[in-house]
Full PDB file with SEQRES, HELIX, SHEET, SSBOND, CRYST1, ORIGX, SCALE, CONECT and MASTER records, all heavy atoms in Angstrom:
SEQRES   1 A   42  GLU ILE ALA LYS GLU VAL LYS LYS ARG GLY ALA SER LEU          
SEQRES   2 A   42  MET ASN ILE LEU PRO LEU ILE PRO LEU ASN LYS MET LYS          
SEQRES   3 A   42  ASP PHE GLU ARG PRO ASP CYS ALA MET MET GLU LYS VAL          
SEQRES   4 A   42  ARG ASP GLU                                                  
HELIX    1 AA1 ILE A    2  ARG A    9  1                                   8    
HELIX    2 AA2 ASN A   23  MET A   25  5                                   3    
HELIX    3 AA3 CYS A   33  ASP A   41  1                                   9    
CRYST1    1.000    1.000    1.000  90.00  90.00  90.00 P 1           1          
ORIGX1      1.000000  0.000000  0.000000        0.00000                         
ORIGX2      0.000000  1.000000  0.000000        0.00000                         
ORIGX3      0.000000  0.000000  1.000000        0.00000                         
SCALE1      1.000000  0.000000  0.000000        0.00000                         
SCALE2      0.000000  1.000000  0.000000        0.00000                         
SCALE3      0.000000  0.000000  1.000000        0.00000                         
ATOM      1  N   GLU A   1      38.138 -94.926   5.221  1.00  0.00           N  
ATOM      2  CA  GLU A   1      38.972 -95.789   4.372  1.00  0.00           C  
ATOM      3  C   GLU A   1      40.445 -95.615   4.726  1.00  0.00           C  
ATOM      4  O   GLU A   1      41.210 -96.592   4.693  1.00  0.00           O  
ATOM      5  CB  GLU A   1      38.734 -95.464   2.890  1.00  0.00           C  
ATOM      6  CG  GLU A   1      37.302 -95.698   2.423  1.00  0.00           C  
ATOM      7  CD  GLU A   1      36.826 -97.110   2.749  1.00  0.00           C  
ATOM      8  OE1 GLU A   1      37.582 -98.070   2.479  1.00  0.00           O  
ATOM      9  OE2 GLU A   1      35.708 -97.253   3.283  1.00  0.00           O  
ATOM     10  N   ILE A   2      40.844 -94.388   5.047  1.00  0.00           N  
ATOM     11  CA  ILE A   2      42.218 -94.160   5.507  1.00  0.00           C  
ATOM     12  C   ILE A   2      42.473 -94.974   6.768  1.00  0.00           C  
ATOM     13  O   ILE A   2      43.503 -95.642   6.906  1.00  0.00           O  
ATOM     14  CB  ILE A   2      42.458 -92.658   5.785  1.00  0.00           C  
ATOM     15  CG1 ILE A   2      42.274 -91.818   4.520  1.00  0.00           C  
ATOM     16  CG2 ILE A   2      43.862 -92.438   6.367  1.00  0.00           C  
ATOM     17  CD1 ILE A   2      42.355 -90.319   4.760  1.00  0.00           C  
ATOM     18  N   ALA A   3      41.522 -94.928   7.692  1.00  0.00           N  
ATOM     19  CA  ALA A   3      41.674 -95.636   8.963  1.00  0.00           C  
ATOM     20  C   ALA A   3      41.878 -97.137   8.748  1.00  0.00           C  
ATOM     21  O   ALA A   3      42.747 -97.761   9.378  1.00  0.00           O  
ATOM     22  CB  ALA A   3      40.453 -95.389   9.842  1.00  0.00           C  
ATOM     23  N   LYS A   4      41.077 -97.715   7.868  1.00  0.00           N  
ATOM     24  CA  LYS A   4      41.201 -99.148   7.605  1.00  0.00           C  
ATOM     25  C   LYS A   4      42.581 -99.494   7.066  1.00  0.00           C  
ATOM     26  O   LYS A   4      43.203-100.477   7.498  1.00  0.00           O  
ATOM     27  CB  LYS A   4      40.124 -99.583   6.608  1.00  0.00           C  
ATOM     28  CG  LYS A   4      38.706 -99.509   7.135  1.00  0.00           C  
ATOM     29  CD  LYS A   4      37.700 -99.852   6.029  1.00  0.00           C  
ATOM     30  CE  LYS A   4      36.268 -99.714   6.520  1.00  0.00           C  
ATOM     31  NZ  LYS A   4      35.291 -99.954   5.424  1.00  0.00           N  
ATOM     32  N   GLU A   5      43.075 -98.676   6.156  1.00  0.00           N  
ATOM     33  CA  GLU A   5      44.359 -98.982   5.516  1.00  0.00           C  
ATOM     34  C   GLU A   5      45.529 -98.760   6.458  1.00  0.00           C  
ATOM     35  O   GLU A   5      46.447 -99.591   6.527  1.00  0.00           O  
ATOM     36  CB  GLU A   5      44.530 -98.132   4.252  1.00  0.00           C  
ATOM     37  CG  GLU A   5      45.756 -98.479   3.428  1.00  0.00           C  
ATOM     38  CD  GLU A   5      45.750 -99.902   2.909  1.00  0.00           C  
ATOM     39  OE1 GLU A   5      44.657-100.429   2.583  1.00  0.00           O  
ATOM     40  OE2 GLU A   5      46.840-100.505   2.835  1.00  0.00           O  
ATOM     41  N   VAL A   6      45.530 -97.660   7.198  1.00  0.00           N  
ATOM     42  CA  VAL A   6      46.693 -97.381   8.065  1.00  0.00           C  
ATOM     43  C   VAL A   6      46.733 -98.352   9.243  1.00  0.00           C  
ATOM     44  O   VAL A   6      47.816 -98.696   9.736  1.00  0.00           O  
ATOM     45  CB  VAL A   6      46.740 -95.916   8.540  1.00  0.00           C  
ATOM     46  CG1 VAL A   6      46.842 -94.977   7.341  1.00  0.00           C  
ATOM     47  CG2 VAL A   6      45.565 -95.547   9.436  1.00  0.00           C  
ATOM     48  N   LYS A   7      45.578 -98.819   9.683  1.00  0.00           N  
ATOM     49  CA  LYS A   7      45.582 -99.831  10.738  1.00  0.00           C  
ATOM     50  C   LYS A   7      46.236-101.114  10.224  1.00  0.00           C  
ATOM     51  O   LYS A   7      47.046-101.742  10.923  1.00  0.00           O  
ATOM     52  CB  LYS A   7      44.167-100.125  11.228  1.00  0.00           C  
ATOM     53  CG  LYS A   7      44.155-101.143  12.361  1.00  0.00           C  
ATOM     54  CD  LYS A   7      42.774-101.506  12.821  1.00  0.00           C  
ATOM     55  CE  LYS A   7      42.838-102.537  13.945  1.00  0.00           C  
ATOM     56  NZ  LYS A   7      41.492-102.959  14.390  1.00  0.00           N  
ATOM     57  N   LYS A   8      45.903-101.507   9.004  1.00  0.00           N  
ATOM     58  CA  LYS A   8      46.525-102.692   8.420  1.00  0.00           C  
ATOM     59  C   LYS A   8      48.034-102.535   8.326  1.00  0.00           C  
ATOM     60  O   LYS A   8      48.776-103.509   8.444  1.00  0.00           O  
ATOM     61  CB  LYS A   8      45.961-102.955   7.010  1.00  0.00           C  
ATOM     62  CG  LYS A   8      44.576-103.541   6.986  1.00  0.00           C  
ATOM     63  CD  LYS A   8      44.224-104.131   5.640  1.00  0.00           C  
ATOM     64  CE  LYS A   8      44.279-103.113   4.528  1.00  0.00           C  
ATOM     65  NZ  LYS A   8      43.824-103.653   3.230  1.00  0.00           N  
ATOM     66  N   ARG A   9      48.479-101.304   8.128  1.00  0.00           N  
ATOM     67  CA  ARG A   9      49.917-101.045   7.968  1.00  0.00           C  
ATOM     68  C   ARG A   9      50.659-100.940   9.303  1.00  0.00           C  
ATOM     69  O   ARG A   9      51.883-100.848   9.313  1.00  0.00           O  
ATOM     70  CB  ARG A   9      50.121 -99.758   7.178  1.00  0.00           C  
ATOM     71  CG  ARG A   9      49.502 -99.760   5.791  1.00  0.00           C  
ATOM     72  CD  ARG A   9      50.246-100.674   4.841  1.00  0.00           C  
ATOM     73  NE  ARG A   9      49.656-100.649   3.509  1.00  0.00           N  
ATOM     74  CZ  ARG A   9      50.355-100.695   2.382  1.00  0.00           C  
ATOM     75  NH1 ARG A   9      51.673-100.757   2.431  1.00  0.00           N  
ATOM     76  NH2 ARG A   9      49.746-100.681   1.208  1.00  0.00           N  
ATOM     77  N   GLY A  10      49.923-100.896  10.415  1.00  0.00           N  
ATOM     78  CA  GLY A  10      50.587-100.896  11.708  1.00  0.00           C  
ATOM     79  C   GLY A  10      50.377 -99.660  12.551  1.00  0.00           C  
ATOM     80  O   GLY A  10      50.965 -99.547  13.633  1.00  0.00           O  
ATOM     81  N   ALA A  11      49.556 -98.704  12.100  1.00  0.00           N  
ATOM     82  CA  ALA A  11      49.275 -97.524  12.916  1.00  0.00           C  
ATOM     83  C   ALA A  11      48.497 -97.926  14.165  1.00  0.00           C  
ATOM     84  O   ALA A  11      47.680 -98.847  14.137  1.00  0.00           O  
ATOM     85  CB  ALA A  11      48.485 -96.491  12.110  1.00  0.00           C  
ATOM     86  N   SER A  12      48.748 -97.208  15.269  1.00  0.00           N  
ATOM     87  CA  SER A  12      48.116 -97.528  16.550  1.00  0.00           C  
ATOM     88  C   SER A  12      47.012 -96.565  16.949  1.00  0.00           C  
ATOM     89  O   SER A  12      46.206 -96.875  17.823  1.00  0.00           O  
ATOM     90  CB  SER A  12      49.176 -97.532  17.663  1.00  0.00           C  
ATOM     91  OG  SER A  12      50.167 -98.485  17.438  1.00  0.00           O  
ATOM     92  N   LEU A  13      46.979 -95.385  16.329  1.00  0.00           N  
ATOM     93  CA  LEU A  13      46.076 -94.325  16.773  1.00  0.00           C  
ATOM     94  C   LEU A  13      45.838 -93.369  15.615  1.00  0.00           C  
ATOM     95  O   LEU A  13      46.702 -93.191  14.755  1.00  0.00           O  
ATOM     96  CB  LEU A  13      46.738 -93.566  17.943  1.00  0.00           C  
ATOM     97  CG  LEU A  13      45.954 -92.469  18.650  1.00  0.00           C  
ATOM     98  CD1 LEU A  13      44.821 -93.070  19.473  1.00  0.00           C  
ATOM     99  CD2 LEU A  13      46.885 -91.678  19.571  1.00  0.00           C  
ATOM    100  N   MET A  14      44.638 -92.746  15.603  1.00  0.00           N  
ATOM    101  CA  MET A  14      44.368 -91.696  14.623  1.00  0.00           C  
ATOM    102  C   MET A  14      43.909 -90.425  15.319  1.00  0.00           C  
ATOM    103  O   MET A  14      43.346 -90.462  16.416  1.00  0.00           O  
ATOM    104  CB  MET A  14      43.319 -92.141  13.594  1.00  0.00           C  
ATOM    105  CG  MET A  14      43.917 -92.941  12.458  1.00  0.00           C  
ATOM    106  SD  MET A  14      42.773 -93.172  11.058  1.00  0.00           S  
ATOM    107  CE  MET A  14      42.719 -91.525  10.332  1.00  0.00           C  
ATOM    108  N   ASN A  15      44.146 -89.320  14.659  1.00  0.00           N  
ATOM    109  CA  ASN A  15      43.764 -87.999  15.147  1.00  0.00           C  
ATOM    110  C   ASN A  15      43.106 -87.266  13.984  1.00  0.00           C  
ATOM    111  O   ASN A  15      43.756 -87.025  12.959  1.00  0.00           O  
ATOM    112  CB  ASN A  15      45.011 -87.259  15.635  1.00  0.00           C  
ATOM    113  CG  ASN A  15      44.722 -85.863  16.132  1.00  0.00           C  
ATOM    114  OD1 ASN A  15      43.600 -85.537  16.513  1.00  0.00           O  
ATOM    115  ND2 ASN A  15      45.738 -85.015  16.133  1.00  0.00           N  
ATOM    116  N   ILE A  16      41.824 -86.976  14.107  1.00  0.00           N  
ATOM    117  CA  ILE A  16      41.090 -86.279  13.046  1.00  0.00           C  
ATOM    118  C   ILE A  16      41.090 -84.789  13.372  1.00  0.00           C  
ATOM    119  O   ILE A  16      40.573 -84.371  14.414  1.00  0.00           O  
ATOM    120  CB  ILE A  16      39.637 -86.787  12.928  1.00  0.00           C  
ATOM    121  CG1 ILE A  16      39.584 -88.321  13.012  1.00  0.00           C  
ATOM    122  CG2 ILE A  16      39.004 -86.275  11.643  1.00  0.00           C  
ATOM    123  CD1 ILE A  16      40.389 -89.039  11.977  1.00  0.00           C  
ATOM    124  N   LEU A  17      41.650 -83.984  12.485  1.00  0.00           N  
ATOM    125  CA  LEU A  17      41.797 -82.548  12.707  1.00  0.00           C  
ATOM    126  C   LEU A  17      40.854 -81.759  11.811  1.00  0.00           C  
ATOM    127  O   LEU A  17      40.686 -82.105  10.631  1.00  0.00           O  
ATOM    128  CB  LEU A  17      43.236 -82.111  12.406  1.00  0.00           C  
ATOM    129  CG  LEU A  17      44.344 -82.815  13.191  1.00  0.00           C  
ATOM    130  CD1 LEU A  17      45.699 -82.500  12.572  1.00  0.00           C  
ATOM    131  CD2 LEU A  17      44.299 -82.381  14.630  1.00  0.00           C  
ATOM    132  N   PRO A  18      40.256 -80.697  12.318  1.00  0.00           N  
ATOM    133  CA  PRO A  18      39.423 -79.868  11.455  1.00  0.00           C  
ATOM    134  C   PRO A  18      40.263 -79.006  10.528  1.00  0.00           C  
ATOM    135  O   PRO A  18      41.315 -78.475  10.924  1.00  0.00           O  
ATOM    136  CB  PRO A  18      38.654 -78.995  12.457  1.00  0.00           C  
ATOM    137  CG  PRO A  18      39.565 -78.897  13.639  1.00  0.00           C  
ATOM    138  CD  PRO A  18      40.272 -80.216  13.724  1.00  0.00           C  
ATOM    139  N   LEU A  19      39.834 -78.882   9.304  1.00  0.00           N  
ATOM    140  CA  LEU A  19      40.497 -77.978   8.364  1.00  0.00           C  
ATOM    141  C   LEU A  19      40.522 -76.561   8.928  1.00  0.00           C  
ATOM    142  O   LEU A  19      39.516 -76.061   9.435  1.00  0.00           O  
ATOM    143  CB  LEU A  19      39.737 -77.973   7.031  1.00  0.00           C  
ATOM    144  CG  LEU A  19      40.203 -76.928   5.993  1.00  0.00           C  
ATOM    145  CD1 LEU A  19      41.546 -77.336   5.388  1.00  0.00           C  
ATOM    146  CD2 LEU A  19      39.145 -76.738   4.914  1.00  0.00           C  
ATOM    147  N   ILE A  20      41.692 -75.926   8.854  1.00  0.00           N  
ATOM    148  CA  ILE A  20      41.797 -74.488   9.089  1.00  0.00           C  
ATOM    149  C   ILE A  20      41.828 -73.852   7.703  1.00  0.00           C  
ATOM    150  O   ILE A  20      42.807 -74.006   6.972  1.00  0.00           O  
ATOM    151  CB  ILE A  20      43.072 -74.139   9.886  1.00  0.00           C  
ATOM    152  CG1 ILE A  20      43.068 -74.851  11.232  1.00  0.00           C  
ATOM    153  CG2 ILE A  20      43.188 -72.633  10.071  1.00  0.00           C  
ATOM    154  CD1 ILE A  20      44.351 -74.678  12.031  1.00  0.00           C  
ATOM    155  N   PRO A  21      40.770 -73.182   7.270  1.00  0.00           N  
ATOM    156  CA  PRO A  21      40.688 -72.696   5.883  1.00  0.00           C  
ATOM    157  C   PRO A  21      41.719 -71.598   5.585  1.00  0.00           C  
ATOM    158  O   PRO A  21      41.573 -70.456   6.002  1.00  0.00           O  
ATOM    159  CB  PRO A  21      39.259 -72.159   5.772  1.00  0.00           C  
ATOM    160  CG  PRO A  21      38.503 -72.833   6.868  1.00  0.00           C  
ATOM    161  CD  PRO A  21      39.502 -72.964   7.988  1.00  0.00           C  
ATOM    162  N   LEU A  22      42.762 -71.970   4.883  1.00  0.00           N  
ATOM    163  CA  LEU A  22      43.843 -71.058   4.521  1.00  0.00           C  
ATOM    164  C   LEU A  22      44.291 -71.350   3.100  1.00  0.00           C  
ATOM    165  O   LEU A  22      43.924 -72.356   2.500  1.00  0.00           O  
ATOM    166  CB  LEU A  22      45.036 -71.225   5.479  1.00  0.00           C  
ATOM    167  CG  LEU A  22      44.858 -70.807   6.940  1.00  0.00           C  
ATOM    168  CD1 LEU A  22      46.033 -71.318   7.772  1.00  0.00           C  
ATOM    169  CD2 LEU A  22      44.733 -69.295   7.067  1.00  0.00           C  
ATOM    170  N   ASN A  23      45.105 -70.450   2.557  1.00  0.00           N  
ATOM    171  CA  ASN A  23      45.760 -70.644   1.269  1.00  0.00           C  
ATOM    172  C   ASN A  23      44.726 -70.958   0.180  1.00  0.00           C  
ATOM    173  O   ASN A  23      43.715 -70.268   0.064  1.00  0.00           O  
ATOM    174  CB  ASN A  23      46.820 -71.745   1.409  1.00  0.00           C  
ATOM    175  CG  ASN A  23      47.864 -71.716   0.307  1.00  0.00           C  
ATOM    176  OD1 ASN A  23      47.864 -70.851  -0.555  1.00  0.00           O  
ATOM    177  ND2 ASN A  23      48.765 -72.672   0.335  1.00  0.00           N  
ATOM    178  N   LYS A  24      44.947 -71.996  -0.608  1.00  0.00           N  
ATOM    179  CA  LYS A  24      44.028 -72.331  -1.688  1.00  0.00           C  
ATOM    180  C   LYS A  24      42.682 -72.836  -1.188  1.00  0.00           C  
ATOM    181  O   LYS A  24      41.730 -72.931  -1.974  1.00  0.00           O  
ATOM    182  CB  LYS A  24      44.657 -73.387  -2.606  1.00  0.00           C  
ATOM    183  CG  LYS A  24      45.845 -72.884  -3.426  1.00  0.00           C  
ATOM    184  CD  LYS A  24      46.314 -73.961  -4.389  1.00  0.00           C  
ATOM    185  CE  LYS A  24      47.421 -73.467  -5.285  1.00  0.00           C  
ATOM    186  NZ  LYS A  24      47.850 -74.494  -6.281  1.00  0.00           N  
ATOM    187  N   MET A  25      42.612 -73.168   0.091  1.00  0.00           N  
ATOM    188  CA  MET A  25      41.362 -73.667   0.656  1.00  0.00           C  
ATOM    189  C   MET A  25      40.737 -72.662   1.610  1.00  0.00           C  
ATOM    190  O   MET A  25      39.926 -73.034   2.469  1.00  0.00           O  
ATOM    191  CB  MET A  25      41.604 -75.006   1.364  1.00  0.00           C  
ATOM    192  CG  MET A  25      41.925 -76.124   0.395  1.00  0.00           C  
ATOM    193  SD  MET A  25      41.965 -77.750   1.200  1.00  0.00           S  
ATOM    194  CE  MET A  25      41.977 -78.817  -0.259  1.00  0.00           C  
ATOM    195  N   LYS A  26      41.068 -71.400   1.435  1.00  0.00           N  
ATOM    196  CA  LYS A  26      40.541 -70.363   2.336  1.00  0.00           C  
ATOM    197  C   LYS A  26      39.032 -70.213   2.222  1.00  0.00           C  
ATOM    198  O   LYS A  26      38.391 -69.707   3.152  1.00  0.00           O  
ATOM    199  CB  LYS A  26      41.229 -69.024   2.071  1.00  0.00           C  
ATOM    200  CG  LYS A  26      41.036 -68.456   0.684  1.00  0.00           C  
ATOM    201  CD  LYS A  26      41.809 -67.162   0.517  1.00  0.00           C  
ATOM    202  CE  LYS A  26      41.741 -66.623  -0.898  1.00  0.00           C  
ATOM    203  NZ  LYS A  26      40.390 -66.363  -1.382  1.00  0.00           N  
ATOM    204  N   ASP A  27      38.444 -70.630   1.109  1.00  0.00           N  
ATOM    205  CA  ASP A  27      36.996 -70.496   0.936  1.00  0.00           C  
ATOM    206  C   ASP A  27      36.234 -71.763   1.316  1.00  0.00           C  
ATOM    207  O   ASP A  27      35.010 -71.809   1.218  1.00  0.00           O  
ATOM    208  CB  ASP A  27      36.674 -70.125  -0.518  1.00  0.00           C  
ATOM    209  CG  ASP A  27      37.202 -68.745  -0.881  1.00  0.00           C  
ATOM    210  OD1 ASP A  27      37.214 -67.869   0.004  1.00  0.00           O  
ATOM    211  OD2 ASP A  27      37.620 -68.549  -2.038  1.00  0.00           O  
ATOM    212  N   PHE A  28      36.960 -72.793   1.755  1.00  0.00           N  
ATOM    213  CA  PHE A  28      36.296 -74.010   2.227  1.00  0.00           C  
ATOM    214  C   PHE A  28      35.663 -73.757   3.592  1.00  0.00           C  
ATOM    215  O   PHE A  28      36.116 -72.911   4.358  1.00  0.00           O  
ATOM    216  CB  PHE A  28      37.305 -75.163   2.353  1.00  0.00           C  
ATOM    217  CG  PHE A  28      37.532 -75.919   1.076  1.00  0.00           C  
ATOM    218  CD1 PHE A  28      38.151 -75.321  -0.007  1.00  0.00           C  
ATOM    219  CD2 PHE A  28      37.134 -77.245   0.957  1.00  0.00           C  
ATOM    220  CE1 PHE A  28      38.371 -76.016  -1.185  1.00  0.00           C  
ATOM    221  CE2 PHE A  28      37.349 -77.955  -0.212  1.00  0.00           C  
ATOM    222  CZ  PHE A  28      37.959 -77.339  -1.283  1.00  0.00           C  
ATOM    223  N   GLU A  29      34.619 -74.508   3.896  1.00  0.00           N  
ATOM    224  CA  GLU A  29      34.005 -74.439   5.217  1.00  0.00           C  
ATOM    225  C   GLU A  29      34.847 -75.198   6.222  1.00  0.00           C  
ATOM    226  O   GLU A  29      35.379 -76.276   5.915  1.00  0.00           O  
ATOM    227  CB  GLU A  29      32.596 -75.042   5.184  1.00  0.00           C  
ATOM    228  CG  GLU A  29      31.591 -74.253   4.370  1.00  0.00           C  
ATOM    229  CD  GLU A  29      31.216 -72.936   5.026  1.00  0.00           C  
ATOM    230  OE1 GLU A  29      31.213 -72.870   6.281  1.00  0.00           O  
ATOM    231  OE2 GLU A  29      30.935 -71.975   4.296  1.00  0.00           O  
ATOM    232  N   ARG A  30      34.979 -74.663   7.407  1.00  0.00           N  
ATOM    233  CA  ARG A  30      35.579 -75.424   8.499  1.00  0.00           C  
ATOM    234  C   ARG A  30      34.536 -76.434   8.980  1.00  0.00           C  
ATOM    235  O   ARG A  30      33.362 -76.082   9.139  1.00  0.00           O  
ATOM    236  CB  ARG A  30      35.978 -74.493   9.645  1.00  0.00           C  
ATOM    237  CG  ARG A  30      36.733 -75.180  10.783  1.00  0.00           C  
ATOM    238  CD  ARG A  30      37.021 -74.196  11.903  1.00  0.00           C  
ATOM    239  NE  ARG A  30      37.688 -74.852  13.024  1.00  0.00           N  
ATOM    240  CZ  ARG A  30      38.977 -74.783  13.271  1.00  0.00           C  
ATOM    241  NH1 ARG A  30      39.760 -74.064  12.474  1.00  0.00           N  
ATOM    242  NH2 ARG A  30      39.519 -75.405  14.317  1.00  0.00           N  
ATOM    243  N   PRO A  31      34.917 -77.690   9.197  1.00  0.00           N  
ATOM    244  CA  PRO A  31      33.916 -78.680   9.633  1.00  0.00           C  
ATOM    245  C   PRO A  31      33.325 -78.311  10.984  1.00  0.00           C  
ATOM    246  O   PRO A  31      34.037 -77.848  11.882  1.00  0.00           O  
ATOM    247  CB  PRO A  31      34.718 -79.979   9.709  1.00  0.00           C  
ATOM    248  CG  PRO A  31      36.144 -79.552   9.828  1.00  0.00           C  
ATOM    249  CD  PRO A  31      36.258 -78.274   9.076  1.00  0.00           C  
ATOM    250  N   ASP A  32      32.023 -78.512  11.123  1.00  0.00           N  
ATOM    251  CA  ASP A  32      31.394 -78.198  12.404  1.00  0.00           C  
ATOM    252  C   ASP A  32      31.562 -79.372  13.365  1.00  0.00           C  
ATOM    253  O   ASP A  32      32.073 -80.444  13.005  1.00  0.00           O  
ATOM    254  CB  ASP A  32      29.921 -77.837  12.223  1.00  0.00           C  
ATOM    255  CG  ASP A  32      29.089 -78.945  11.589  1.00  0.00           C  
ATOM    256  OD1 ASP A  32      29.512 -80.123  11.645  1.00  0.00           O  
ATOM    257  OD2 ASP A  32      28.012 -78.638  11.052  1.00  0.00           O  
ATOM    258  N   CYS A  33      31.140 -79.176  14.591  1.00  0.00           N  
ATOM    259  CA  CYS A  33      31.325 -80.194  15.639  1.00  0.00           C  
ATOM    260  C   CYS A  33      30.612 -81.494  15.299  1.00  0.00           C  
ATOM    261  O   CYS A  33      31.118 -82.590  15.573  1.00  0.00           O  
ATOM    262  CB  CYS A  33      30.840 -79.664  16.979  1.00  0.00           C  
ATOM    263  SG  CYS A  33      31.849 -78.339  17.651  1.00  0.00           S  
ATOM    264  N   ALA A  34      29.430 -81.381  14.693  1.00  0.00           N  
ATOM    265  CA  ALA A  34      28.660 -82.581  14.366  1.00  0.00           C  
ATOM    266  C   ALA A  34      29.402 -83.443  13.349  1.00  0.00           C  
ATOM    267  O   ALA A  34      29.470 -84.673  13.479  1.00  0.00           O  
ATOM    268  CB  ALA A  34      27.283 -82.191  13.832  1.00  0.00           C  
ATOM    269  N   MET A  35      29.971 -82.814  12.323  1.00  0.00           N  
ATOM    270  CA  MET A  35      30.727 -83.554  11.323  1.00  0.00           C  
ATOM    271  C   MET A  35      31.972 -84.181  11.941  1.00  0.00           C  
ATOM    272  O   MET A  35      32.301 -85.344  11.675  1.00  0.00           O  
ATOM    273  CB  MET A  35      31.115 -82.651  10.152  1.00  0.00           C  
ATOM    274  CG  MET A  35      31.941 -83.365   9.077  1.00  0.00           C  
ATOM    275  SD  MET A  35      32.403 -82.296   7.688  1.00  0.00           S  
ATOM    276  CE  MET A  35      30.829 -82.151   6.848  1.00  0.00           C  
ATOM    277  N   MET A  36      32.677 -83.426  12.770  1.00  0.00           N  
ATOM    278  CA  MET A  36      33.878 -83.945  13.415  1.00  0.00           C  
ATOM    279  C   MET A  36      33.549 -85.173  14.263  1.00  0.00           C  
ATOM    280  O   MET A  36      34.238 -86.206  14.192  1.00  0.00           O  
ATOM    281  CB  MET A  36      34.511 -82.869  14.294  1.00  0.00           C  
ATOM    282  CG  MET A  36      35.132 -81.708  13.533  1.00  0.00           C  
ATOM    283  SD  MET A  36      36.545 -82.191  12.505  1.00  0.00           S  
ATOM    284  CE  MET A  36      37.655 -82.870  13.731  1.00  0.00           C  
ATOM    285  N   GLU A  37      32.489 -85.086  15.055  1.00  0.00           N  
ATOM    286  CA  GLU A  37      32.140 -86.196  15.939  1.00  0.00           C  
ATOM    287  C   GLU A  37      31.687 -87.414  15.139  1.00  0.00           C  
ATOM    288  O   GLU A  37      32.005 -88.550  15.500  1.00  0.00           O  
ATOM    289  CB  GLU A  37      31.060 -85.762  16.927  1.00  0.00           C  
ATOM    290  CG  GLU A  37      31.573 -84.836  18.015  1.00  0.00           C  
ATOM    291  CD  GLU A  37      32.768 -85.419  18.748  1.00  0.00           C  
ATOM    292  OE1 GLU A  37      32.649 -86.510  19.332  1.00  0.00           O  
ATOM    293  OE2 GLU A  37      33.847 -84.787  18.708  1.00  0.00           O  
ATOM    294  N   LYS A  38      30.946 -87.179  14.071  1.00  0.00           N  
ATOM    295  CA  LYS A  38      30.480 -88.290  13.237  1.00  0.00           C  
ATOM    296  C   LYS A  38      31.664 -89.068  12.664  1.00  0.00           C  
ATOM    297  O   LYS A  38      31.708 -90.298  12.743  1.00  0.00           O  
ATOM    298  CB  LYS A  38      29.605 -87.753  12.102  1.00  0.00           C  
ATOM    299  CG  LYS A  38      29.146 -88.815  11.104  1.00  0.00           C  
ATOM    300  CD  LYS A  38      28.252 -88.197  10.042  1.00  0.00           C  
ATOM    301  CE  LYS A  38      27.782 -89.243   9.024  1.00  0.00           C  
ATOM    302  NZ  LYS A  38      28.904 -89.743   8.187  1.00  0.00           N  
ATOM    303  N   VAL A  39      32.626 -88.337  12.094  1.00  0.00           N  
ATOM    304  CA  VAL A  39      33.782 -89.005  11.492  1.00  0.00           C  
ATOM    305  C   VAL A  39      34.631 -89.682  12.563  1.00  0.00           C  
ATOM    306  O   VAL A  39      35.079 -90.824  12.394  1.00  0.00           O  
ATOM    307  CB  VAL A  39      34.620 -88.002  10.671  1.00  0.00           C  
ATOM    308  CG1 VAL A  39      35.901 -88.660  10.167  1.00  0.00           C  
ATOM    309  CG2 VAL A  39      33.809 -87.469   9.490  1.00  0.00           C  
ATOM    310  N   ARG A  40      34.837 -89.012  13.681  1.00  0.00           N  
ATOM    311  CA  ARG A  40      35.627 -89.624  14.757  1.00  0.00           C  
ATOM    312  C   ARG A  40      34.967 -90.901  15.273  1.00  0.00           C  
ATOM    313  O   ARG A  40      35.647 -91.901  15.537  1.00  0.00           O  
ATOM    314  CB  ARG A  40      35.808 -88.619  15.891  1.00  0.00           C  
ATOM    315  CG  ARG A  40      36.835 -87.539  15.587  1.00  0.00           C  
ATOM    316  CD  ARG A  40      36.815 -86.435  16.618  1.00  0.00           C  
ATOM    317  NE  ARG A  40      37.940 -85.515  16.448  1.00  0.00           N  
ATOM    318  CZ  ARG A  40      38.003 -84.303  16.985  1.00  0.00           C  
ATOM    319  NH1 ARG A  40      36.993 -83.842  17.726  1.00  0.00           N  
ATOM    320  NH2 ARG A  40      39.063 -83.539  16.786  1.00  0.00           N  
ATOM    321  N   ASP A  41      33.650 -90.870  15.419  1.00  0.00           N  
ATOM    322  CA  ASP A  41      32.939 -92.057  15.892  1.00  0.00           C  
ATOM    323  C   ASP A  41      33.073 -93.210  14.901  1.00  0.00           C  
ATOM    324  O   ASP A  41      33.257 -94.373  15.298  1.00  0.00           O  
ATOM    325  CB  ASP A  41      31.460 -91.743  16.123  1.00  0.00           C  
ATOM    326  CG  ASP A  41      31.226 -90.868  17.351  1.00  0.00           C  
ATOM    327  OD1 ASP A  41      32.158 -90.720  18.170  1.00  0.00           O  
ATOM    328  OD2 ASP A  41      30.116 -90.314  17.469  1.00  0.00           O  
ATOM    329  N   GLU A  42      32.988 -92.903  13.614  1.00  0.00           N  
ATOM    330  CA  GLU A  42      33.124 -93.941  12.590  1.00  0.00           C  
ATOM    331  C   GLU A  42      34.529 -94.530  12.597  1.00  0.00           C  
ATOM    332  O   GLU A  42      34.706 -95.743  12.495  1.00  0.00           O  
ATOM    333  CB  GLU A  42      32.799 -93.354  11.217  1.00  0.00           C  
ATOM    334  CG  GLU A  42      31.323 -92.997  11.040  1.00  0.00           C  
ATOM    335  CD  GLU A  42      31.064 -92.202   9.769  1.00  0.00           C  
ATOM    336  OE1 GLU A  42      32.046 -91.736   9.127  1.00  0.00           O  
ATOM    337  OE2 GLU A  42      29.879 -92.032   9.413  1.00  0.00           O  
TER     338      GLU A  42                                                      
MASTER        0    0    0    3    0    0    0    6  337    1    0    4          
END                                                                             
């Protein structure tokens, strides 16, 4: 949904970054390769 909106606004490229679990999100899981590729492909 972010991709759809920012493209409409004039963005030319997106970069999907994996969470580095730090600070208040230190207990979150880092996304695995499969999740990263799925989202990037979409």
